[in-house]
């Protein structure tokens, strides 16, 4: 339930960001609305004069569709999924439901994702964005290079068992090499792999706090204080344990190393 709320808040934040980009784009578009000649948009040339056609309208619609789907790619095709789930596990294991707040956890997970995805982002910029801005490649080639960079990242952490699942359900023969796997097969397999990995890490992090809860509950029962909820007594000890071992540094280091 907590993870679902965090993902919902993350989607809202990313949608606001995309909406701001769309507003900026529409503002720039309106500045040239009555200007003579065509308007150059990355990947297309839009003529707002009398000769505007259906193809230009469809290209503009496709551009807005890609911008709308951008938050889903940022959340599901990067390290964000694993990081936010593990952080939510830690918060729930300690027993503080609203500390740190959802906005803080999402922001922390986002910047950790940027740190982890920096090599992939650099490759995308060098192989796709910069050549496209210099008009050395077309928009189709740029999108293909971006897909190739994301595929290379996801294939490092996807499990073959998860890939085989989608080939079995579609009765499709397995490819000879990983480079032959289509993008629409890699993305759901990567999501499943990340979910399993994040739950495994979360379970291992949950065990020490669970043991502490059991010890406190046993001591309270031995003292005859069965009416006192164990969580009330154990939470300060869990916070103390987490602070003494420098828990945030350990968790952050473990998350970063898990993408090594």
Protein backbone atom coordinates (compact mmCIF):
# COMPACT_ATOMS: atom_id res chain seq x y z
CA UNK A 1 0.00 0.00 0.00
CA UNK A 2 2.82 2.39 0.90
CA UNK A 3 4.74 1.49 -2.27
CA UNK A 4 1.62 2.12 -4.34
CA UNK A 5 1.21 5.59 -2.81
CA UNK A 6 4.86 6.39 -3.48
CA UNK A 7 4.56 5.34 -7.13
CA UNK A 8 1.39 7.38 -7.45
CA UNK A 9 3.15 10.46 -6.10
CA UNK A 10 6.11 9.85 -8.42
CA UNK A 11 3.86 9.63 -11.45
CA UNK A 12 2.17 12.90 -10.47
CA UNK A 13 5.52 14.67 -10.14
CA UNK A 14 6.74 13.42 -13.50
CA UNK A 15 3.45 14.37 -15.15
CA UNK A 16 3.81 17.92 -13.80
CA UNK A 17 7.31 18.09 -15.28
CA UNK A 18 6.09 16.89 -18.66
CA UNK A 19 3.18 19.34 -18.51
CA UNK A 20 5.63 22.20 -17.98
CA UNK A 21 7.59 21.10 -21.04
CA UNK A 22 4.39 20.94 -23.09
CA UNK A 23 3.37 24.44 -21.93
CA UNK A 24 6.80 25.77 -22.89
CA UNK A 25 6.53 24.07 -26.27
CA UNK A 26 3.08 25.53 -26.90
CA UNK A 27 4.34 28.97 -25.89
CA UNK A 28 7.18 28.78 -28.40
CA UNK A 29 4.74 27.47 -30.98
CA UNK A 30 2.38 30.39 -30.41
CA UNK A 31 5.21 32.89 -30.96
CA UNK A 32 5.55 31.62 -34.52
CA UNK A 33 1.89 31.02 -35.19
CA UNK A 34 1.47 33.98 -37.52
CA UNK A 35 5.02 34.03 -38.82
CA UNK A 36 5.74 33.33 -42.44
CA UNK A 37 7.26 30.01 -43.38
CA UNK A 38 7.43 26.67 -41.60
CA UNK A 39 8.21 26.06 -37.92
CA UNK A 40 11.09 23.74 -37.16
CA UNK A 41 10.37 21.21 -34.41
CA UNK A 42 12.96 18.53 -33.57
CA UNK A 43 12.31 15.67 -35.94
CA UNK A 44 9.77 17.46 -38.13
CA UNK A 45 8.93 20.66 -39.98
CA UNK A 46 5.45 22.04 -39.26
CA UNK A 47 3.89 24.50 -41.66
CA UNK A 48 1.06 26.42 -40.00
CA UNK A 49 0.07 28.12 -43.21
CA UNK A 50 -2.54 27.08 -45.72
CA UNK A 51 -0.68 23.91 -46.74
CA UNK A 52 -0.76 22.19 -43.37
CA UNK A 53 -1.69 18.54 -43.80
CA UNK A 54 -2.73 15.46 -41.91
CA UNK A 55 0.83 14.13 -41.70
CA UNK A 56 2.04 17.22 -39.84
CA UNK A 57 -0.86 16.94 -37.40
CA UNK A 58 -0.13 13.26 -36.76
CA UNK A 59 3.57 14.01 -36.20
CA UNK A 60 2.65 16.64 -33.62
CA UNK A 61 0.26 14.19 -31.94
CA UNK A 62 3.00 11.53 -31.82
CA UNK A 63 5.37 14.04 -30.23
CA UNK A 64 2.87 14.82 -27.47
CA UNK A 65 2.22 11.10 -26.97
CA UNK A 66 5.94 10.44 -26.48
CA UNK A 67 6.13 13.29 -23.95
CA UNK A 68 3.16 11.82 -22.07
CA UNK A 69 4.82 8.38 -21.87
CA UNK A 70 8.16 9.81 -20.72
CA UNK A 71 7.38 9.41 -16.96
CA UNK A 72 6.64 5.71 -17.47
CA UNK A 73 10.01 5.20 -19.19
CA UNK A 74 11.81 7.15 -16.45
CA UNK A 75 10.20 5.05 -13.71
CA UNK A 76 10.22 1.60 -15.31
CA UNK A 77 13.26 1.53 -17.62
CA UNK A 78 15.81 2.88 -15.13
CA UNK A 79 17.08 2.07 -11.65
CA UNK A 80 14.25 4.09 -10.07
CA UNK A 81 12.00 1.06 -9.43
CA UNK A 82 14.52 -0.86 -7.35
CA UNK A 83 15.63 2.19 -5.38
CA UNK A 84 12.18 3.48 -4.41
CA UNK A 85 10.94 0.03 -3.35
CA UNK A 86 13.97 -0.61 -1.14
CA UNK A 87 13.65 2.82 0.47
CA UNK A 88 9.97 2.21 1.17
CA UNK A 89 10.86 -1.17 2.73
CA UNK A 90 13.33 0.55 5.05
CA UNK A 91 10.77 3.11 6.14
CA UNK A 92 8.18 0.45 6.85
CA UNK A 93 10.68 -1.79 8.68
CA UNK A 94 11.63 1.02 11.06
CA UNK A 95 7.97 1.66 11.77
CA UNK A 96 7.76 5.36 10.88
CA UNK A 97 4.99 5.53 8.31
CA UNK A 98 5.41 9.12 7.13
CA UNK A 99 9.08 9.83 7.85
CA UNK A 100 10.80 10.52 5.54
CA UNK A 101 7.85 11.95 3.58
CA UNK A 102 6.93 10.55 0.17
CA UNK A 103 8.22 13.65 -1.62
CA UNK A 104 11.62 13.31 0.04
CA UNK A 105 11.89 9.60 -0.74
CA UNK A 106 10.91 10.17 -4.36
CA UNK A 107 13.39 13.02 -4.74
CA UNK A 108 16.17 10.97 -3.15
CA UNK A 109 15.36 7.98 -5.37
CA UNK A 110 15.29 10.24 -8.43
CA UNK A 111 18.75 11.71 -7.77
CA UNK A 112 20.16 8.28 -6.95
CA UNK A 113 18.72 7.07 -10.26
CA UNK A 114 20.40 9.97 -12.05
CA UNK A 115 23.71 8.98 -10.42
CA UNK A 116 23.32 5.32 -11.37
CA UNK A 117 22.11 6.11 -14.89
CA UNK A 118 24.86 8.70 -15.57
CA UNK A 119 26.93 6.39 -17.85
CA UNK A 120 23.82 5.46 -19.83
CA UNK A 121 22.75 9.10 -20.02
CA UNK A 122 26.21 10.09 -21.27
CA UNK A 123 26.05 7.40 -23.96
CA UNK A 124 22.59 8.61 -25.02
CA UNK A 125 23.82 12.19 -25.26
CA UNK A 126 26.99 11.31 -27.17
CA UNK A 127 25.38 8.84 -29.57
CA UNK A 128 21.90 10.31 -30.01
CA UNK A 129 21.17 13.82 -28.75
CA UNK A 130 24.36 15.64 -29.78
CA UNK A 131 24.56 14.10 -33.29
CA UNK A 132 20.87 14.86 -33.79
CA UNK A 133 21.26 18.48 -32.67
CA UNK A 134 24.24 18.78 -35.04
CA UNK A 135 22.01 17.36 -37.82
CA UNK A 136 24.34 14.43 -38.35
CA UNK A 137 21.60 11.82 -37.89
CA UNK A 138 17.83 11.75 -38.35
CA UNK A 139 15.24 11.57 -35.60
CA UNK A 140 14.65 7.89 -36.38
CA UNK A 141 18.34 7.10 -35.93
CA UNK A 142 18.39 9.10 -32.68
CA UNK A 143 15.45 7.14 -31.26
CA UNK A 144 17.07 3.89 -32.35
CA UNK A 145 20.31 4.82 -30.55
CA UNK A 146 18.39 5.80 -27.41
CA UNK A 147 16.58 2.47 -27.46
CA UNK A 148 19.89 0.66 -27.94
CA UNK A 149 21.47 2.42 -24.92
CA UNK A 150 18.49 1.65 -22.67
CA UNK A 151 18.44 -1.94 -23.90
CA UNK A 152 22.12 -2.35 -23.06
CA UNK A 153 21.46 -1.14 -19.51
CA UNK A 154 18.38 -3.29 -18.94
CA UNK A 155 19.94 -6.45 -20.38
CA UNK A 156 22.63 -6.32 -17.65
CA UNK A 157 20.02 -6.85 -14.93
CA UNK A 158 17.21 -8.77 -16.61
CA UNK A 159 16.97 -12.47 -15.84
CA UNK A 160 16.82 -15.00 -18.65
CA UNK A 161 13.94 -16.71 -16.86
CA UNK A 162 11.84 -13.56 -17.08
CA UNK A 163 12.64 -13.12 -20.77
CA UNK A 164 11.74 -16.73 -21.44
CA UNK A 165 8.35 -16.18 -19.78
CA UNK A 166 7.22 -13.76 -22.49
CA UNK A 167 8.53 -15.96 -25.27
CA UNK A 168 6.67 -18.94 -23.83
CA UNK A 169 3.39 -17.05 -23.50
CA UNK A 170 3.59 -15.90 -27.14
CA UNK A 171 4.92 -19.24 -28.44
CA UNK A 172 7.84 -17.42 -30.04
CA UNK A 173 11.22 -19.14 -30.50
CA UNK A 174 14.02 -17.84 -28.33
CA UNK A 175 16.55 -15.54 -30.04
CA UNK A 176 20.12 -16.63 -30.65
CA UNK A 177 21.70 -13.61 -28.94
CA UNK A 178 20.62 -10.94 -26.49
CA UNK A 179 20.89 -8.34 -29.23
CA UNK A 180 18.00 -9.98 -31.06
CA UNK A 181 15.54 -9.50 -28.17
CA UNK A 182 12.88 -6.88 -29.10
CA UNK A 183 12.50 -3.82 -26.90
CA UNK A 184 8.88 -4.65 -25.98
CA UNK A 185 10.09 -7.99 -24.58
CA UNK A 186 12.95 -6.50 -22.58
CA UNK A 187 10.94 -3.82 -20.75
CA UNK A 188 8.38 -6.08 -18.96
CA UNK A 189 11.06 -8.69 -18.24
CA UNK A 190 13.29 -5.98 -16.75
CA UNK A 191 10.42 -4.73 -14.58
CA UNK A 192 9.78 -8.23 -13.19
CA UNK A 193 13.50 -8.73 -12.53
CA UNK A 194 13.76 -5.38 -10.74
CA UNK A 195 10.71 -6.14 -8.61
CA UNK A 196 12.17 -9.47 -7.50
CA UNK A 197 15.60 -7.97 -6.80
CA UNK A 198 14.15 -5.07 -4.82
CA UNK A 199 11.98 -7.40 -2.72
CA UNK A 200 14.99 -9.62 -2.01
CA UNK A 201 17.02 -6.63 -0.82
CA UNK A 202 14.05 -5.33 1.18
CA UNK A 203 13.59 -8.71 2.87
CA UNK A 204 17.23 -8.85 3.95
CA UNK A 205 17.00 -5.32 5.34
CA UNK A 206 13.75 -6.16 7.14
CA UNK A 207 15.19 -9.12 9.11
CA UNK A 208 17.20 -7.16 11.77
CA UNK A 209 14.21 -4.96 12.60
CA UNK A 210 11.91 -7.97 12.72
CA UNK A 211 14.24 -9.73 15.17
CA UNK A 212 14.28 -6.61 17.35
CA UNK A 213 10.46 -6.54 17.35
CA UNK A 214 10.36 -10.22 18.42
CA UNK A 215 12.87 -9.62 21.23
CA UNK A 216 10.92 -6.64 22.56
CA UNK A 217 7.65 -8.57 22.35
CA UNK A 218 9.18 -11.50 24.27
CA UNK A 219 10.53 -9.21 27.00
CA UNK A 220 7.17 -7.48 27.40
CA UNK A 221 5.38 -10.83 27.69
CA UNK A 222 7.90 -12.02 30.27
CA UNK A 223 7.29 -8.85 32.28
CA UNK A 224 3.53 -9.34 32.06
CA UNK A 225 3.03 -6.14 30.06
CA UNK A 226 0.89 -7.74 27.39
CA UNK A 227 -1.38 -4.70 27.01
CA UNK A 228 1.50 -2.51 25.82
CA UNK A 229 1.97 -2.70 22.01
CA UNK A 230 5.50 -3.94 21.22
CA UNK A 231 5.80 -1.52 18.30
CA UNK A 232 5.63 1.45 20.68
CA UNK A 233 8.64 0.17 22.65
CA UNK A 234 10.66 -1.23 19.74
CA UNK A 235 10.47 1.79 17.44
CA UNK A 236 12.92 3.96 19.49
CA UNK A 237 15.35 1.03 19.64
CA UNK A 238 15.05 0.50 15.88
CA UNK A 239 15.69 4.18 15.25
CA UNK A 240 18.69 4.07 17.58
CA UNK A 241 20.05 0.96 15.83
CA UNK A 242 19.56 2.52 12.40
CA UNK A 243 21.35 5.73 13.41
CA UNK A 244 24.24 3.96 15.17
CA UNK A 245 25.07 1.79 12.15
CA UNK A 246 24.69 4.81 9.80
CA UNK A 247 21.81 3.09 8.05
CA UNK A 248 21.22 5.57 5.24
CA UNK A 249 24.83 5.33 4.11
CA UNK A 250 24.76 1.54 4.21
CA UNK A 251 21.49 1.32 2.31
CA UNK A 252 22.59 3.88 -0.29
CA UNK A 253 25.91 2.13 -0.79
CA UNK A 254 24.22 -1.25 -1.15
CA UNK A 255 21.79 0.12 -3.73
CA UNK A 256 24.54 1.71 -5.80
CA UNK A 257 26.72 -1.41 -5.64
CA UNK A 258 23.80 -3.58 -6.71
CA UNK A 259 24.00 -1.85 -10.12
CA UNK A 260 27.73 -2.42 -10.41
